[in-house]
Amino acid sequence: MLSVTAPGVHLDRDTEARDLARAVNEYAAEVVKDHPDRFSGLAPLAVDPDRNAEDVLRDLKRFYFDTALSASPSALPALLAFAEPGHVLYGSDWPFGPQEAGSYYNHHLETYPDYTPGQADAINRTNAQALFPRLAD
């Protein structure tokens, strides 16, 4: 999985952030195209400050989210309520996060009482298979 980590592409100026996001996205797309059996990618975005909050929220809901550090009793229900169906995937911060943190979040993910039928399996596997079908086998 190719992605840009902190601090992302927005280092200070909006125009430079958009240009950097475009360059990073184009480079990652070429790597994925040249090596489809080895890589998939996530695209960084630079938010346009002239857009209204409703437009930004609507676009954010279309993103895919993982459960790394977000399966606590307060965060998981909020995440499931915000994200579009099928857009939450299992994730962990292993090996970077401490084992205790991973165990804490995994416990809450595994014992969450309000999943809809099939939702836990979707988060743990089938959402990722639908998103990355060439990696599903």
Foldseek 3Di string as FASTA:
>chain_A
DDDDDPPQQCPDDLVSSQVVQVVVVVVLVVVCVVCVVPDDYDGTDRDDPPDDPVVVLVVVLAAAEEQALQLAPPRVVVNVVRHDPLRYAHDYPPPVDDPVSRVRSVVSLVPVDDDDVPRSVSRHAVSVCVVSVVNND
